[in-house]
């Protein structure tokens, strides 16, 4: 199968200046965190998240602290912008109808669009991770990593766990991208689709904080995002990560099929 369509889609995503600016904003967060910790007074890290209190011990924790900060808004917003624009953007500028006369089957178009969203989600997450790792190592050094459970592992093992955590979050954000792809088939306004996806992820975060509806928490798309912290325990607790991958796969399948059902019967005039 030719990858020309996918390569063309990826070029459109990564060569757009607004998307490049978005990646720079994502990369700016680990820069701000590392500089703030570097210039702060020693001993004032009490009460903060574990990743933040461990930054001065090992620069790898800059990446983890940055991911923790950005998974609430910045990374979902970046994925929402790309996924919301995937179909609605083509319709908005009047190229969707011509794209389908190439000819390109509608199922294939949605598959390629979603694969591009997955690539961007992983690229956005890795951008935060790699920026945090490089700057953290430059300012705070590396060496052995002290896990959340108190034991220590070598630098190479720690780096591998950081990369695995980044890939895990990238796949979680890719499932949010499937929601965005579906919403994008419902409208010709990419901004509206992006806002709807952000509202969806924000509502999931809010619902996840209400104890009276704890029964629904495991089914929320954002519930298991923080489970990447379990990769930094000894022994590794894979239960939360596995559940997070199952939920991400379920959202991906359901919303991609919903997008296909909507798009396959849609009268494309734009």
C-alpha atoms as a PDB file:
ATOM      1  CA  UNK A   1       0.000   0.000   0.000  1.00  0.00           C
ATOM      2  CA  UNK A   2       1.357   3.393  -0.962  1.00  0.00           C
ATOM      3  CA  UNK A   3       2.265   5.744   1.870  1.00  0.00           C
ATOM      4  CA  UNK A   4       2.156   8.827  -0.319  1.00  0.00           C
ATOM      5  CA  UNK A   5      -1.115  10.092   1.137  1.00  0.00           C
ATOM      6  CA  UNK A   6       0.142   9.630   4.704  1.00  0.00           C
ATOM      7  CA  UNK A   7       3.437  11.358   3.957  1.00  0.00           C
ATOM      8  CA  UNK A   8       1.563  14.239   2.371  1.00  0.00           C
ATOM      9  CA  UNK A   9      -0.676  14.533   5.437  1.00  0.00           C
ATOM     10  CA  UNK A  10       2.311  14.519   7.791  1.00  0.00           C
ATOM     11  CA  UNK A  11       4.020  17.234   5.767  1.00  0.00           C
ATOM     12  CA  UNK A  12       0.904  19.387   6.004  1.00  0.00           C
ATOM     13  CA  UNK A  13       0.789  18.922   9.776  1.00  0.00           C
ATOM     14  CA  UNK A  14       4.437  19.417  10.639  1.00  0.00           C
ATOM     15  CA  UNK A  15       5.219  22.173   8.126  1.00  0.00           C
ATOM     16  CA  UNK A  16       2.377  24.452   9.169  1.00  0.00           C
ATOM     17  CA  UNK A  17       3.768  27.302  11.177  1.00  0.00           C
ATOM     18  CA  UNK A  18       0.937  27.274  13.704  1.00  0.00           C
ATOM     19  CA  UNK A  19       1.661  23.621  14.482  1.00  0.00           C
ATOM     20  CA  UNK A  20       5.373  24.319  14.745  1.00  0.00           C
ATOM     21  CA  UNK A  21       4.582  27.189  17.101  1.00  0.00           C
ATOM     22  CA  UNK A  22       2.432  24.829  19.146  1.00  0.00           C
ATOM     23  CA  UNK A  23       5.311  22.375  19.496  1.00  0.00           C
ATOM     24  CA  UNK A  24       7.550  25.229  20.616  1.00  0.00           C
ATOM     25  CA  UNK A  25       5.014  26.152  23.304  1.00  0.00           C
ATOM     26  CA  UNK A  26       5.004  22.550  24.492  1.00  0.00           C
ATOM     27  CA  UNK A  27       8.805  22.571  24.615  1.00  0.00           C
ATOM     28  CA  UNK A  28       8.797  25.847  26.564  1.00  0.00           C
ATOM     29  CA  UNK A  29       7.178  24.248  29.628  1.00  0.00           C
ATOM     30  CA  UNK A  30      10.147  21.995  30.563  1.00  0.00           C
ATOM     31  CA  UNK A  31      12.407  24.990  29.973  1.00  0.00           C
ATOM     32  CA  UNK A  32      10.401  27.085  32.433  1.00  0.00           C
ATOM     33  CA  UNK A  33      10.258  24.275  34.986  1.00  0.00           C
ATOM     34  CA  UNK A  34      13.978  23.511  34.893  1.00  0.00           C
ATOM     35  CA  UNK A  35      14.994  27.158  35.087  1.00  0.00           C
ATOM     36  CA  UNK A  36      12.542  27.856  37.917  1.00  0.00           C
ATOM     37  CA  UNK A  37      13.836  24.913  39.941  1.00  0.00           C
ATOM     38  CA  UNK A  38      17.439  25.854  39.223  1.00  0.00           C
ATOM     39  CA  UNK A  39      17.102  29.424  40.468  1.00  0.00           C
ATOM     40  CA  UNK A  40      14.839  28.607  43.429  1.00  0.00           C
ATOM     41  CA  UNK A  41      16.149  28.397  46.962  1.00  0.00           C
ATOM     42  CA  UNK A  42      17.198  24.906  48.055  1.00  0.00           C
ATOM     43  CA  UNK A  43      14.983  23.087  50.490  1.00  0.00           C
ATOM     44  CA  UNK A  44      11.734  24.752  49.365  1.00  0.00           C
ATOM     45  CA  UNK A  45      10.403  21.754  47.508  1.00  0.00           C
ATOM     46  CA  UNK A  46       8.268  20.337  50.298  1.00  0.00           C
ATOM     47  CA  UNK A  47       4.632  19.687  49.571  1.00  0.00           C
ATOM     48  CA  UNK A  48       5.033  19.506  45.797  1.00  0.00           C
ATOM     49  CA  UNK A  49       4.516  16.497  43.555  1.00  0.00           C
ATOM     50  CA  UNK A  50       7.121  13.759  43.876  1.00  0.00           C
ATOM     51  CA  UNK A  51       8.476  14.399  40.381  1.00  0.00           C
ATOM     52  CA  UNK A  52       9.151  18.042  41.217  1.00  0.00           C
ATOM     53  CA  UNK A  53      10.860  17.301  44.502  1.00  0.00           C
ATOM     54  CA  UNK A  54      13.207  14.870  42.726  1.00  0.00           C
ATOM     55  CA  UNK A  55      14.320  17.181  39.905  1.00  0.00           C
ATOM     56  CA  UNK A  56      17.465  18.392  41.671  1.00  0.00           C
ATOM     57  CA  UNK A  57      18.527  14.774  42.265  1.00  0.00           C
ATOM     58  CA  UNK A  58      18.209  13.691  38.648  1.00  0.00           C
ATOM     59  CA  UNK A  59      17.501  15.771  35.546  1.00  0.00           C
ATOM     60  CA  UNK A  60      15.279  13.045  34.070  1.00  0.00           C
ATOM     61  CA  UNK A  61      12.541  14.159  36.443  1.00  0.00           C
ATOM     62  CA  UNK A  62      12.224  17.436  34.522  1.00  0.00           C
ATOM     63  CA  UNK A  63      10.603  15.486  31.686  1.00  0.00           C
ATOM     64  CA  UNK A  64       8.224  13.701  34.067  1.00  0.00           C
ATOM     65  CA  UNK A  65       7.260  16.917  35.856  1.00  0.00           C
ATOM     66  CA  UNK A  66       6.625  18.585  32.484  1.00  0.00           C
ATOM     67  CA  UNK A  67       4.410  15.740  31.303  1.00  0.00           C
ATOM     68  CA  UNK A  68       2.459  15.928  34.567  1.00  0.00           C
ATOM     69  CA  UNK A  69       1.855  19.649  34.064  1.00  0.00           C
ATOM     70  CA  UNK A  70       1.012  19.493  30.365  1.00  0.00           C
ATOM     71  CA  UNK A  71      -1.311  16.481  30.304  1.00  0.00           C
ATOM     72  CA  UNK A  72      -4.060  18.577  31.869  1.00  0.00           C
ATOM     73  CA  UNK A  73      -4.359  21.197  29.112  1.00  0.00           C
ATOM     74  CA  UNK A  74      -1.463  21.864  26.751  1.00  0.00           C
ATOM     75  CA  UNK A  75      -1.044  18.396  25.255  1.00  0.00           C
ATOM     76  CA  UNK A  76      -4.812  17.754  24.916  1.00  0.00           C
ATOM     77  CA  UNK A  77      -5.148  21.192  23.319  1.00  0.00           C
ATOM     78  CA  UNK A  78      -2.414  20.378  20.787  1.00  0.00           C
ATOM     79  CA  UNK A  79      -4.033  17.065  19.861  1.00  0.00           C
ATOM     80  CA  UNK A  80      -7.475  18.713  19.733  1.00  0.00           C
ATOM     81  CA  UNK A  81      -6.189  21.317  17.296  1.00  0.00           C
ATOM     82  CA  UNK A  82      -4.822  18.685  14.904  1.00  0.00           C
ATOM     83  CA  UNK A  83      -7.700  16.219  15.152  1.00  0.00           C
ATOM     84  CA  UNK A  84     -10.378  18.895  14.985  1.00  0.00           C
ATOM     85  CA  UNK A  85      -8.813  20.246  11.806  1.00  0.00           C
ATOM     86  CA  UNK A  86      -8.400  16.825  10.162  1.00  0.00           C
ATOM     87  CA  UNK A  87     -11.695  16.691   8.259  1.00  0.00           C
ATOM     88  CA  UNK A  88     -13.374  19.971   9.166  1.00  0.00           C
ATOM     89  CA  UNK A  89     -10.316  21.893   7.999  1.00  0.00           C
ATOM     90  CA  UNK A  90     -10.489  20.298   4.551  1.00  0.00           C
ATOM     91  CA  UNK A  91     -14.206  21.089   4.344  1.00  0.00           C
ATOM     92  CA  UNK A  92     -13.655  24.630   5.569  1.00  0.00           C
ATOM     93  CA  UNK A  93     -11.198  25.524   2.799  1.00  0.00           C
ATOM     94  CA  UNK A  94     -13.154  23.613   0.154  1.00  0.00           C
ATOM     95  CA  UNK A  95     -10.655  20.821  -0.586  1.00  0.00           C
ATOM     96  CA  UNK A  96     -12.485  17.834   0.897  1.00  0.00           C
ATOM     97  CA  UNK A  97     -14.667  17.193  -2.154  1.00  0.00           C
ATOM     98  CA  UNK A  98     -11.693  17.397  -4.499  1.00  0.00           C
ATOM     99  CA  UNK A  99      -9.645  15.139  -2.233  1.00  0.00           C
ATOM    100  CA  UNK A 100     -12.313  12.441  -2.483  1.00  0.00           C
ATOM    101  CA  UNK A 101     -12.299  12.616  -6.314  1.00  0.00           C
ATOM    102  CA  UNK A 102      -8.611  11.644  -6.570  1.00  0.00           C
ATOM    103  CA  UNK A 103     -10.127   9.018  -5.887  1.00  0.00           C
ATOM    104  CA  UNK A 104      -9.580   8.271  -2.205  1.00  0.00           C
ATOM    105  CA  UNK A 105     -11.926   5.897  -0.423  1.00  0.00           C
ATOM    106  CA  UNK A 106     -13.545   7.509   2.593  1.00  0.00           C
ATOM    107  CA  UNK A 107     -12.450   4.759   4.966  1.00  0.00           C
ATOM    108  CA  UNK A 108      -8.872   5.110   3.742  1.00  0.00           C
ATOM    109  CA  UNK A 109      -9.015   8.885   4.141  1.00  0.00           C
ATOM    110  CA  UNK A 110     -10.145   8.540   7.747  1.00  0.00           C
ATOM    111  CA  UNK A 111      -7.509   5.877   8.410  1.00  0.00           C
ATOM    112  CA  UNK A 112      -4.727   8.082   7.047  1.00  0.00           C
ATOM    113  CA  UNK A 113      -6.040  11.114   8.910  1.00  0.00           C
ATOM    114  CA  UNK A 114      -6.065   9.165  12.153  1.00  0.00           C
ATOM    115  CA  UNK A 115      -2.588   7.695  11.618  1.00  0.00           C
ATOM    116  CA  UNK A 116      -1.308  11.242  11.145  1.00  0.00           C
ATOM    117  CA  UNK A 117      -3.013  12.246  14.407  1.00  0.00           C
ATOM    118  CA  UNK A 118      -1.318   9.322  16.192  1.00  0.00           C
ATOM    119  CA  UNK A 119       2.075  10.350  14.830  1.00  0.00           C
ATOM    120  CA  UNK A 120       1.524  13.931  15.952  1.00  0.00           C
ATOM    121  CA  UNK A 121       0.359  12.852  19.425  1.00  0.00           C
ATOM    122  CA  UNK A 122       3.534  10.796  19.883  1.00  0.00           C
ATOM    123  CA  UNK A 123       5.681  13.588  18.432  1.00  0.00           C
ATOM    124  CA  UNK A 124       4.135  16.193  20.749  1.00  0.00           C
ATOM    125  CA  UNK A 125       4.659  14.023  23.822  1.00  0.00           C
ATOM    126  CA  UNK A 126       8.229  13.164  22.832  1.00  0.00           C
ATOM    127  CA  UNK A 127       8.931  16.853  22.211  1.00  0.00           C
ATOM    128  CA  UNK A 128       8.127  17.574  25.856  1.00  0.00           C
ATOM    129  CA  UNK A 129      10.061  14.532  27.037  1.00  0.00           C
ATOM    130  CA  UNK A 130      13.225  15.080  25.030  1.00  0.00           C
ATOM    131  CA  UNK A 131      13.341  18.793  25.838  1.00  0.00           C
ATOM    132  CA  UNK A 132      12.943  17.999  29.518  1.00  0.00           C
ATOM    133  CA  UNK A 133      15.587  15.250  29.439  1.00  0.00           C
ATOM    134  CA  UNK A 134      18.191  17.332  27.613  1.00  0.00           C
ATOM    135  CA  UNK A 135      17.716  20.456  29.685  1.00  0.00           C
ATOM    136  CA  UNK A 136      17.370  18.511  32.920  1.00  0.00           C
ATOM    137  CA  UNK A 137      20.602  16.643  32.343  1.00  0.00           C
ATOM    138  CA  UNK A 138      22.370  19.874  31.407  1.00  0.00           C
ATOM    139  CA  UNK A 139      21.252  21.685  34.581  1.00  0.00           C
ATOM    140  CA  UNK A 140      20.968  18.903  37.157  1.00  0.00           C
ATOM    141  CA  UNK A 141      22.956  15.970  35.804  1.00  0.00           C
ATOM    142  CA  UNK A 142      21.954  12.327  35.560  1.00  0.00           C
ATOM    143  CA  UNK A 143      23.201   9.239  37.362  1.00  0.00           C
ATOM    144  CA  UNK A 144      21.070   6.782  39.304  1.00  0.00           C
ATOM    145  CA  UNK A 145      17.341   7.468  39.532  1.00  0.00           C
ATOM    146  CA  UNK A 146      15.515   7.153  42.837  1.00  0.00           C
ATOM    147  CA  UNK A 147      12.092   5.670  42.147  1.00  0.00           C
ATOM    148  CA  UNK A 148       8.865   6.699  43.861  1.00  0.00           C
ATOM    149  CA  UNK A 149       9.100   3.521  45.932  1.00  0.00           C
ATOM    150  CA  UNK A 150      12.525   4.555  47.261  1.00  0.00           C
ATOM    151  CA  UNK A 151      14.759   2.091  45.430  1.00  0.00           C
ATOM    152  CA  UNK A 152      17.349   3.134  42.845  1.00  0.00           C
ATOM    153  CA  UNK A 153      17.946   2.111  39.245  1.00  0.00           C
ATOM    154  CA  UNK A 154      20.680   2.955  36.761  1.00  0.00           C
ATOM    155  CA  UNK A 155      20.572   5.895  34.398  1.00  0.00           C
ATOM    156  CA  UNK A 156      19.895   3.783  31.281  1.00  0.00           C
ATOM    157  CA  UNK A 157      16.977   1.999  32.955  1.00  0.00           C
ATOM    158  CA  UNK A 158      15.604   5.322  34.166  1.00  0.00           C
ATOM    159  CA  UNK A 159      15.831   6.838  30.695  1.00  0.00           C
ATOM    160  CA  UNK A 160      14.049   3.821  29.222  1.00  0.00           C
ATOM    161  CA  UNK A 161      11.213   4.190  31.738  1.00  0.00           C
ATOM    162  CA  UNK A 162      10.878   7.894  30.894  1.00  0.00           C
ATOM    163  CA  UNK A 163      10.570   7.056  27.197  1.00  0.00           C
ATOM    164  CA  UNK A 164       8.031   4.305  27.916  1.00  0.00           C
ATOM    165  CA  UNK A 165       5.977   6.759  29.984  1.00  0.00           C
ATOM    166  CA  UNK A 166       6.067   9.217  27.089  1.00  0.00           C
ATOM    167  CA  UNK A 167       4.909   6.614  24.580  1.00  0.00           C
ATOM    168  CA  UNK A 168       2.124   5.523  26.945  1.00  0.00           C
ATOM    169  CA  UNK A 169       0.844   9.097  27.240  1.00  0.00           C
ATOM    170  CA  UNK A 170       1.180   9.565  23.484  1.00  0.00           C
ATOM    171  CA  UNK A 171      -1.132   6.599  22.918  1.00  0.00           C
ATOM    172  CA  UNK A 172      -3.581   8.003  25.472  1.00  0.00           C
ATOM    173  CA  UNK A 173      -3.632  11.327  23.630  1.00  0.00           C
ATOM    174  CA  UNK A 174      -4.069   9.452  20.354  1.00  0.00           C
ATOM    175  CA  UNK A 175      -7.355   8.075  21.715  1.00  0.00           C
ATOM    176  CA  UNK A 176      -8.421  11.667  22.354  1.00  0.00           C
ATOM    177  CA  UNK A 177      -7.474  12.303  18.735  1.00  0.00           C
ATOM    178  CA  UNK A 178     -10.038   9.671  17.693  1.00  0.00           C
ATOM    179  CA  UNK A 179     -12.691  11.696  19.515  1.00  0.00           C
ATOM    180  CA  UNK A 180     -11.477  14.774  17.648  1.00  0.00           C
ATOM    181  CA  UNK A 181     -11.642  12.945  14.321  1.00  0.00           C
ATOM    182  CA  UNK A 182     -15.278  12.042  14.969  1.00  0.00           C
ATOM    183  CA  UNK A 183     -16.188  15.584  15.992  1.00  0.00           C
ATOM    184  CA  UNK A 184     -14.375  16.861  12.902  1.00  0.00           C
ATOM    185  CA  UNK A 185     -16.766  14.901  10.677  1.00  0.00           C
ATOM    186  CA  UNK A 186     -19.728  16.667  12.259  1.00  0.00           C
ATOM    187  CA  UNK A 187     -18.811  20.228  11.335  1.00  0.00           C
ATOM    188  CA  UNK A 188     -17.003  22.384   8.816  1.00  0.00           C
ATOM    189  CA  UNK A 189     -15.580  24.663  11.499  1.00  0.00           C
ATOM    190  CA  UNK A 190     -12.231  23.317  12.805  1.00  0.00           C
ATOM    191  CA  UNK A 191     -12.173  25.811  15.689  1.00  0.00           C
ATOM    192  CA  UNK A 192     -15.520  24.542  16.891  1.00  0.00           C
ATOM    193  CA  UNK A 193     -14.299  20.942  16.683  1.00  0.00           C
ATOM    194  CA  UNK A 194     -11.151  21.805  18.628  1.00  0.00           C
ATOM    195  CA  UNK A 195     -13.146  23.540  21.375  1.00  0.00           C
ATOM    196  CA  UNK A 196     -15.506  20.565  21.617  1.00  0.00           C
ATOM    197  CA  UNK A 197     -12.592  18.139  22.114  1.00  0.00           C
ATOM    198  CA  UNK A 198     -11.010  20.345  24.784  1.00  0.00           C
ATOM    199  CA  UNK A 199     -14.362  20.570  26.574  1.00  0.00           C
ATOM    200  CA  UNK A 200     -14.651  16.774  26.349  1.00  0.00           C
ATOM    201  CA  UNK A 201     -11.249  16.158  27.972  1.00  0.00           C
ATOM    202  CA  UNK A 202     -11.810  18.883  30.577  1.00  0.00           C
ATOM    203  CA  UNK A 203     -15.204  17.441  31.485  1.00  0.00           C
ATOM    204  CA  UNK A 204     -13.550  14.051  31.905  1.00  0.00           C
ATOM    205  CA  UNK A 205     -11.029  15.553  34.335  1.00  0.00           C
ATOM    206  CA  UNK A 206     -13.811  17.255  36.289  1.00  0.00           C
ATOM    207  CA  UNK A 207     -15.941  14.114  36.505  1.00  0.00           C
ATOM    208  CA  UNK A 208     -12.881  12.194  37.667  1.00  0.00           C
ATOM    209  CA  UNK A 209     -12.691  14.407  40.774  1.00  0.00           C
ATOM    210  CA  UNK A 210     -16.277  13.802  41.930  1.00  0.00           C
ATOM    211  CA  UNK A 211     -16.295  10.922  44.450  1.00  0.00           C
ATOM    212  CA  UNK A 212     -20.064  10.422  44.247  1.00  0.00           C
ATOM    213  CA  UNK A 213     -19.700   9.003  40.722  1.00  0.00           C
ATOM    214  CA  UNK A 214     -16.611   6.895  41.381  1.00  0.00           C
ATOM    215  CA  UNK A 215     -18.187   3.989  39.497  1.00  0.00           C
ATOM    216  CA  UNK A 216     -17.760   5.853  36.205  1.00  0.00           C
ATOM    217  CA  UNK A 217     -14.148   6.941  36.805  1.00  0.00           C
ATOM    218  CA  UNK A 218     -12.447   3.860  35.282  1.00  0.00           C
ATOM    219  CA  UNK A 219     -14.328   4.477  32.026  1.00  0.00           C
ATOM    220  CA  UNK A 220     -13.295   8.124  31.645  1.00  0.00           C
ATOM    221  CA  UNK A 221     -10.749   8.809  28.931  1.00  0.00           C
ATOM    222  CA  UNK A 222      -8.437  10.762  31.258  1.00  0.00           C
ATOM    223  CA  UNK A 223      -8.715   8.569  34.369  1.00  0.00           C
ATOM    224  CA  UNK A 224      -5.607   6.482  33.714  1.00  0.00           C
ATOM    225  CA  UNK A 225      -3.362   9.172  32.241  1.00  0.00           C
ATOM    226  CA  UNK A 226      -1.432   9.639  35.487  1.00  0.00           C
ATOM    227  CA  UNK A 227      -0.847   5.888  35.689  1.00  0.00           C
ATOM    228  CA  UNK A 228       2.478   6.460  33.911  1.00  0.00           C
ATOM    229  CA  UNK A 229       3.852   7.183  37.381  1.00  0.00           C
ATOM    230  CA  UNK A 230       3.475   3.468  38.154  1.00  0.00           C
ATOM    231  CA  UNK A 231       6.363   2.819  35.781  1.00  0.00           C
ATOM    232  CA  UNK A 232       8.616   4.468  38.378  1.00  0.00           C
ATOM    233  CA  UNK A 233       7.955   2.027  41.176  1.00  0.00           C
ATOM    234  CA  UNK A 234       9.782  -1.135  42.148  1.00  0.00           C
ATOM    235  CA  UNK A 235       8.353  -3.506  41.206  1.00  0.00           C
ATOM    236  CA  UNK A 236       6.621  -1.832  38.276  1.00  0.00           C
ATOM    237  CA  UNK A 237       2.851  -1.697  38.794  1.00  0.00           C
ATOM    238  CA  UNK A 238       1.450  -2.387  35.337  1.00  0.00           C
ATOM    239  CA  UNK A 239      -2.211  -2.634  36.331  1.00  0.00           C
ATOM    240  CA  UNK A 240      -3.008   1.047  35.833  1.00  0.00           C
ATOM    241  CA  UNK A 241      -1.016   1.258  32.595  1.00  0.00           C
ATOM    242  CA  UNK A 242      -2.744  -1.796  31.154  1.00  0.00           C
ATOM    243  CA  UNK A 243      -6.158  -0.417  32.063  1.00  0.00           C
ATOM    244  CA  UNK A 244      -5.190   2.901  30.503  1.00  0.00           C
ATOM    245  CA  UNK A 245      -4.221   1.176  27.251  1.00  0.00           C
ATOM    246  CA  UNK A 246      -7.469  -0.809  27.239  1.00  0.00           C
ATOM    247  CA  UNK A 247      -9.526   2.352  27.740  1.00  0.00           C
ATOM    248  CA  UNK A 248      -7.515   4.180  25.057  1.00  0.00           C
ATOM    249  CA  UNK A 249      -8.053   1.309  22.615  1.00  0.00           C
ATOM    250  CA  UNK A 250     -11.784   1.254  23.370  1.00  0.00           C
ATOM    251  CA  UNK A 251     -12.170   4.998  22.778  1.00  0.00           C
ATOM    252  CA  UNK A 252     -10.108   4.747  19.599  1.00  0.00           C
ATOM    253  CA  UNK A 253     -12.202   1.918  18.140  1.00  0.00           C
ATOM    254  CA  UNK A 254     -15.577   3.355  19.133  1.00  0.00           C
ATOM    255  CA  UNK A 255     -14.940   6.910  17.937  1.00  0.00           C
ATOM    256  CA  UNK A 256     -13.100   5.917  14.749  1.00  0.00           C
ATOM    257  CA  UNK A 257     -16.019   3.681  13.805  1.00  0.00           C
ATOM    258  CA  UNK A 258     -18.410   6.506  14.703  1.00  0.00           C
ATOM    259  CA  UNK A 259     -16.413   8.842  12.454  1.00  0.00           C
ATOM    260  CA  UNK A 260     -16.540   6.283   9.653  1.00  0.00           C
ATOM    261  CA  UNK A 261     -20.302   5.758  10.073  1.00  0.00           C
ATOM    262  CA  UNK A 262     -20.883   9.502   9.967  1.00  0.00           C
ATOM    263  CA  UNK A 263     -18.456  10.266   7.133  1.00  0.00           C
ATOM    264  CA  UNK A 264     -19.390   7.300   4.932  1.00  0.00           C
ATOM    265  CA  UNK A 265     -22.977   8.541   4.629  1.00  0.00           C
ATOM    266  CA  UNK A 266     -22.167  12.243   4.574  1.00  0.00           C
ATOM    267  CA  UNK A 267     -23.022  14.303   1.505  1.00  0.00           C
ATOM    268  CA  UNK A 268     -19.734  16.124   0.884  1.00  0.00           C
ATOM    269  CA  UNK A 269     -20.315  19.438  -0.888  1.00  0.00           C
ATOM    270  CA  UNK A 270     -17.348  21.431   0.381  1.00  0.00           C
END
